[in-house]
N, C-alpha and C. Protein backbone atom coordinates (compact mmCIF):
# COMPACT_ATOMS: atom_id res chain seq x y z
N UNK A 1 117.26 32.80 -14.87
CA UNK A 1 116.86 31.39 -15.31
C UNK A 1 116.21 30.65 -13.96
N UNK A 2 115.68 30.15 -14.07
CA UNK A 2 115.26 28.98 -13.09
C UNK A 2 116.29 27.99 -12.99
N UNK A 3 117.05 27.45 -13.68
CA UNK A 3 117.84 26.08 -13.57
C UNK A 3 118.99 27.08 -12.94
N UNK A 4 119.39 28.35 -13.30
CA UNK A 4 120.39 28.44 -12.32
C UNK A 4 120.48 29.76 -10.72
N UNK A 5 119.62 29.53 -10.99
CA UNK A 5 118.83 30.90 -9.26
C UNK A 5 119.60 29.75 -8.39
N UNK A 6 119.57 30.79 -7.50
CA UNK A 6 119.68 30.23 -6.17
C UNK A 6 118.84 30.62 -4.96
N UNK A 7 118.67 29.88 -4.43
CA UNK A 7 117.20 29.65 -3.41
C UNK A 7 118.02 29.92 -1.90
N UNK A 8 117.01 30.83 -1.26
CA UNK A 8 117.45 30.81 0.01
C UNK A 8 115.47 30.73 0.38
N UNK A 9 115.78 29.51 2.36
CA UNK A 9 114.76 29.03 2.73
C UNK A 9 114.57 30.69 3.68
N UNK A 10 113.01 30.90 3.49
CA UNK A 10 112.62 32.28 3.95
C UNK A 10 111.62 31.58 5.04
N UNK A 11 111.73 30.46 5.63
CA UNK A 11 111.19 29.83 6.11
C UNK A 11 109.92 29.02 5.95
N UNK A 12 108.64 28.02 7.25
CA UNK A 12 108.22 27.13 7.17
C UNK A 12 106.90 27.27 7.77
N UNK A 13 106.27 26.34 7.17
CA UNK A 13 104.50 25.99 8.45
C UNK A 13 104.46 24.55 7.96
N UNK A 14 103.68 25.04 9.09
CA UNK A 14 103.32 22.92 9.57
C UNK A 14 101.67 23.20 9.07
N UNK A 15 100.92 22.40 8.85
CA UNK A 15 99.38 22.06 9.13
C UNK A 15 98.87 21.21 9.52
N UNK A 16 97.25 21.71 10.28
CA UNK A 16 97.00 20.20 10.85
C UNK A 16 97.16 18.51 10.92
N UNK A 17 97.32 17.48 11.30
CA UNK A 17 96.61 16.45 10.91
C UNK A 17 94.64 16.48 10.31
N UNK A 18 94.21 17.33 10.81
CA UNK A 18 93.14 16.88 10.41
C UNK A 18 91.98 15.97 11.42
N UNK A 19 93.27 15.49 12.44
CA UNK A 19 92.21 14.33 12.91
C UNK A 19 90.84 14.13 13.69
N UNK A 20 91.33 15.45 14.29
CA UNK A 20 89.42 15.96 15.03
C UNK A 20 88.35 16.03 14.53
N UNK A 21 88.53 16.89 12.78
CA UNK A 21 87.68 16.78 11.98
C UNK A 21 87.03 15.70 11.18
N UNK A 22 87.72 14.72 11.71
CA UNK A 22 87.45 13.67 10.93
C UNK A 22 87.98 13.13 9.45
N UNK A 23 88.84 14.02 8.99
CA UNK A 23 89.53 14.66 7.71
C UNK A 23 88.13 15.06 7.07
N UNK A 24 88.03 16.31 7.46
CA UNK A 24 86.86 16.69 6.49
C UNK A 24 87.14 18.40 6.74
N UNK A 25 88.06 18.64 6.97
CA UNK A 25 88.00 19.97 7.00
C UNK A 25 89.38 20.53 6.32
N UNK A 26 89.34 21.80 5.17
CA UNK A 26 90.68 22.18 4.81
C UNK A 26 91.67 23.11 5.58
N UNK A 27 92.61 23.83 5.19
CA UNK A 27 92.91 24.54 6.34
C UNK A 27 93.85 25.30 5.62
N UNK A 28 93.61 26.62 6.02
CA UNK A 28 94.00 28.48 5.24
C UNK A 28 95.19 28.57 5.77
N UNK A 29 96.04 29.26 5.09
CA UNK A 29 97.36 29.61 5.66
C UNK A 29 97.73 30.74 4.63
N UNK A 30 98.34 31.88 5.95
CA UNK A 30 98.36 33.47 4.76
C UNK A 30 99.96 33.19 5.40
N UNK A 31 100.62 33.27 4.46
CA UNK A 31 102.08 34.40 4.96
C UNK A 31 102.65 35.25 4.26
N UNK A 32 103.45 36.53 4.87
CA UNK A 32 103.54 37.85 3.99
C UNK A 32 105.25 37.58 4.24
N UNK A 33 105.74 37.83 3.16
CA UNK A 33 107.26 37.45 3.08
C UNK A 33 107.39 39.01 1.83
N UNK A 34 108.70 39.53 2.84
CA UNK A 34 108.55 40.53 2.42
C UNK A 34 110.15 40.71 1.41
N UNK A 35 110.49 40.78 0.12
CA UNK A 35 111.87 40.44 -0.71
C UNK A 35 111.61 40.38 -1.87
N UNK A 36 112.76 41.20 -2.44
CA UNK A 36 112.64 40.83 -3.73
C UNK A 36 112.51 39.61 -4.59
N UNK A 37 111.63 39.39 -5.56
CA UNK A 37 112.89 37.77 -5.74
C UNK A 37 111.42 38.13 -7.64
N UNK A 38 112.38 36.88 -8.05
CA UNK A 38 111.81 36.33 -9.72
C UNK A 38 110.85 35.11 -9.71
N UNK A 39 110.94 34.12 -8.04
CA UNK A 39 110.62 32.68 -8.57
C UNK A 39 110.28 32.07 -7.58
N UNK A 40 109.68 31.60 -7.16
CA UNK A 40 108.87 30.94 -5.73
C UNK A 40 109.05 29.34 -5.66
N UNK A 41 109.36 28.88 -5.01
CA UNK A 41 109.74 27.43 -5.14
C UNK A 41 108.58 27.02 -3.84
N UNK A 42 108.35 26.15 -3.35
CA UNK A 42 107.53 25.58 -2.66
C UNK A 42 107.46 24.51 -3.06
N UNK A 43 108.32 23.82 -1.40
CA UNK A 43 108.52 22.21 -0.84
C UNK A 43 106.79 21.49 0.07
N UNK A 44 106.72 20.79 -0.37
CA UNK A 44 105.63 19.54 0.61
C UNK A 44 106.69 19.03 0.87
N UNK A 45 106.72 18.71 2.55
CA UNK A 45 107.89 17.72 2.41
C UNK A 45 107.49 16.07 2.72
N UNK A 46 106.82 16.50 3.66
CA UNK A 46 105.41 15.19 4.78
C UNK A 46 104.50 14.51 4.65
N UNK A 47 103.69 13.84 4.65
CA UNK A 47 102.52 13.31 4.34
C UNK A 47 101.60 12.92 5.85
N UNK A 48 100.63 13.56 6.91
CA UNK A 48 100.08 12.86 7.53
C UNK A 48 99.45 11.44 7.34
N UNK A 49 100.04 10.68 7.97
CA UNK A 49 99.87 9.21 7.99
C UNK A 49 98.46 8.97 8.84
N UNK A 50 97.41 8.48 7.79
CA UNK A 50 96.22 7.99 8.48
C UNK A 50 95.97 7.09 7.40
N UNK A 51 94.22 6.21 8.62
CA UNK A 51 94.17 5.48 7.43
C UNK A 51 93.41 5.27 5.96
N UNK A 52 92.89 7.16 6.16
CA UNK A 52 92.41 7.60 4.38
C UNK A 52 93.54 7.70 3.49
N UNK A 53 94.37 7.75 4.14
CA UNK A 53 95.54 8.68 3.41
C UNK A 53 96.91 7.10 2.81
N UNK A 54 96.59 6.22 2.48
CA UNK A 54 97.22 4.51 2.00
C UNK A 54 98.19 5.24 0.83
N UNK A 55 98.33 5.66 -0.08
CA UNK A 55 99.24 5.53 -0.88
C UNK A 55 100.15 7.08 -0.21
N UNK A 56 100.04 7.52 0.90
CA UNK A 56 100.75 9.11 1.44
C UNK A 56 100.94 10.15 0.48
N UNK A 57 99.37 10.88 0.08
CA UNK A 57 99.72 12.01 -0.78
C UNK A 57 99.69 13.31 0.39
N UNK A 58 100.13 14.72 -0.08
CA UNK A 58 100.45 15.47 -0.35
C UNK A 58 99.59 16.46 -1.56
N UNK A 59 98.49 17.03 -0.27
CA UNK A 59 98.12 18.20 -1.61
C UNK A 59 97.91 19.64 -1.24
N UNK A 60 98.38 20.36 -2.45
CA UNK A 60 97.83 21.94 -2.33
C UNK A 60 97.00 22.21 -3.11
N UNK A 61 95.50 22.76 -2.93
CA UNK A 61 94.99 23.53 -3.07
C UNK A 61 94.65 24.55 -4.48
N UNK A 62 95.30 25.71 -3.76
CA UNK A 62 95.43 26.76 -4.12
C UNK A 62 97.27 27.30 -3.43
N UNK A 63 97.51 28.37 -4.75
CA UNK A 63 98.24 29.41 -3.96
C UNK A 63 98.59 30.69 -4.77
N UNK A 64 98.06 31.60 -3.99
CA UNK A 64 97.96 33.09 -4.49
C UNK A 64 99.07 33.36 -3.96
N UNK A 65 99.80 33.80 -5.04
CA UNK A 65 101.19 34.80 -4.84
C UNK A 65 100.52 36.04 -5.63
N UNK A 66 101.03 37.61 -4.72
CA UNK A 66 100.57 38.55 -5.21
C UNK A 66 101.89 39.38 -5.07
N UNK A 67 102.06 40.46 -6.02
CA UNK A 67 103.57 41.52 -5.77
C UNK A 67 103.11 42.31 -6.88
N UNK A 68 104.57 42.91 -7.27
CA UNK A 68 104.68 44.28 -7.78
C UNK A 68 105.97 43.78 -8.92
N UNK A 69 105.92 44.35 -10.52
CA UNK A 69 106.91 43.49 -11.30
C UNK A 69 108.50 44.55 -10.67
N UNK A 70 109.55 43.56 -10.47
CA UNK A 70 110.83 44.33 -10.28
C UNK A 70 111.43 45.42 -11.35
N UNK A 71 111.72 46.01 -10.57
CA UNK A 71 111.97 47.54 -11.78
C UNK A 71 113.83 46.89 -12.80
N UNK A 72 114.22 47.59 -13.87
CA UNK A 72 115.46 47.16 -14.45
C UNK A 72 116.48 47.54 -12.87
N UNK A 73 116.54 48.26 -12.89
CA UNK A 73 117.35 48.17 -10.96
C UNK A 73 117.15 47.58 -9.71
N UNK A 74 116.51 47.49 -9.37
CA UNK A 74 115.91 45.43 -8.89
C UNK A 74 116.23 44.11 -9.26
N UNK A 75 116.21 44.10 -10.53
CA UNK A 75 116.19 42.42 -11.05
C UNK A 75 116.62 42.44 -10.59
N UNK A 76 116.89 40.68 -9.99
CA UNK A 76 117.95 40.00 -10.01
C UNK A 76 118.48 39.48 -11.55
N UNK A 77 118.53 40.33 -12.34
CA UNK A 77 119.50 39.49 -13.97
C UNK A 77 118.42 40.63 -14.46
N UNK A 78 118.80 39.82 -15.48
CA UNK A 78 118.67 40.84 -16.94
C UNK A 78 116.82 40.59 -17.22
N UNK A 79 116.30 42.22 -17.50
CA UNK A 79 115.06 41.94 -18.01
C UNK A 79 114.87 40.79 -18.25
N UNK A 80 113.67 40.44 -18.32
CA UNK A 80 113.24 39.37 -19.50
C UNK A 80 113.48 39.54 -20.76
N UNK A 81 113.88 38.16 -22.18
CA UNK A 81 113.81 38.95 -23.23
C UNK A 81 112.67 39.02 -24.40
N UNK A 82 111.49 38.86 -23.34
CA UNK A 82 109.72 39.42 -23.60
C UNK A 82 109.24 40.38 -23.25
N UNK A 83 109.55 41.37 -23.18
CA UNK A 83 108.96 42.85 -22.70
C UNK A 83 108.01 43.42 -22.97
N UNK A 84 106.39 42.42 -24.11
CA UNK A 84 105.27 42.49 -24.00
C UNK A 84 104.82 41.36 -22.83
N UNK A 85 105.42 40.59 -21.60
CA UNK A 85 104.94 39.60 -20.48
C UNK A 85 105.38 40.37 -19.85
N UNK A 86 104.89 40.30 -18.51
CA UNK A 86 104.76 40.89 -17.09
C UNK A 86 105.60 39.75 -16.02
N UNK A 87 106.60 39.82 -15.49
CA UNK A 87 107.17 38.97 -14.81
C UNK A 87 106.91 38.25 -14.35
N UNK A 88 105.08 38.44 -13.32
CA UNK A 88 104.78 38.03 -12.78
C UNK A 88 103.17 37.42 -12.81
N UNK A 89 103.23 37.21 -14.75
CA UNK A 89 102.17 36.55 -15.65
C UNK A 89 102.61 34.83 -14.90
N UNK A 90 103.37 34.60 -14.58
CA UNK A 90 103.75 33.04 -13.61
C UNK A 90 103.22 32.96 -12.70
N UNK A 91 102.07 31.96 -12.58
CA UNK A 91 101.87 32.42 -11.19
C UNK A 91 102.65 31.32 -9.50
N UNK A 92 104.03 31.45 -10.18
CA UNK A 92 104.77 30.26 -9.17
C UNK A 92 106.69 31.77 -9.44
N UNK A 93 106.30 32.15 -8.64
CA UNK A 93 107.71 33.52 -8.77
C UNK A 93 107.85 33.86 -7.07
N UNK A 94 109.50 33.35 -6.54
CA UNK A 94 109.92 34.07 -6.02
C UNK A 94 111.54 33.36 -5.82
N UNK A 95 112.57 34.12 -5.72
CA UNK A 95 113.86 33.67 -6.17
C UNK A 95 114.92 34.18 -4.64
N UNK A 96 115.50 32.62 -4.68
CA UNK A 96 116.26 33.14 -3.31
C UNK A 96 116.16 31.38 -2.86
N UNK A 97 118.09 30.78 -2.46
CA UNK A 97 118.11 29.36 -2.34
C UNK A 97 117.73 28.64 -1.14
N UNK A 98 117.90 27.30 -1.26
CA UNK A 98 116.79 26.03 -0.26
C UNK A 98 118.59 26.18 0.88
N UNK A 99 118.62 25.98 2.08
CA UNK A 99 120.11 25.67 3.13
C UNK A 99 121.10 24.89 2.83
N UNK A 100 121.77 24.71 2.70
CA UNK A 100 123.14 24.19 2.11
C UNK A 100 122.38 22.43 3.10
């Protein structure tokens, strides 16, 4: 289950402060991760401080996770209890622990 999963930090990325575009642009990042996983945890750590961000907001417009269902021999635990639901129907999945 997600509550008992151990997560591993796979890396990080930084985003532009967007001041050069007068805070009008959006930034696209693409990351390829080659791991077997059941869950994905995304942490947004810190906002960019500027005159428009008065309440220290951080935003994520979209997250697109692509993958293939893990077979029983590759799964990190027992198969899902409901075989009619594909393991990747849930949009946020990759299982690995963060650093201690």
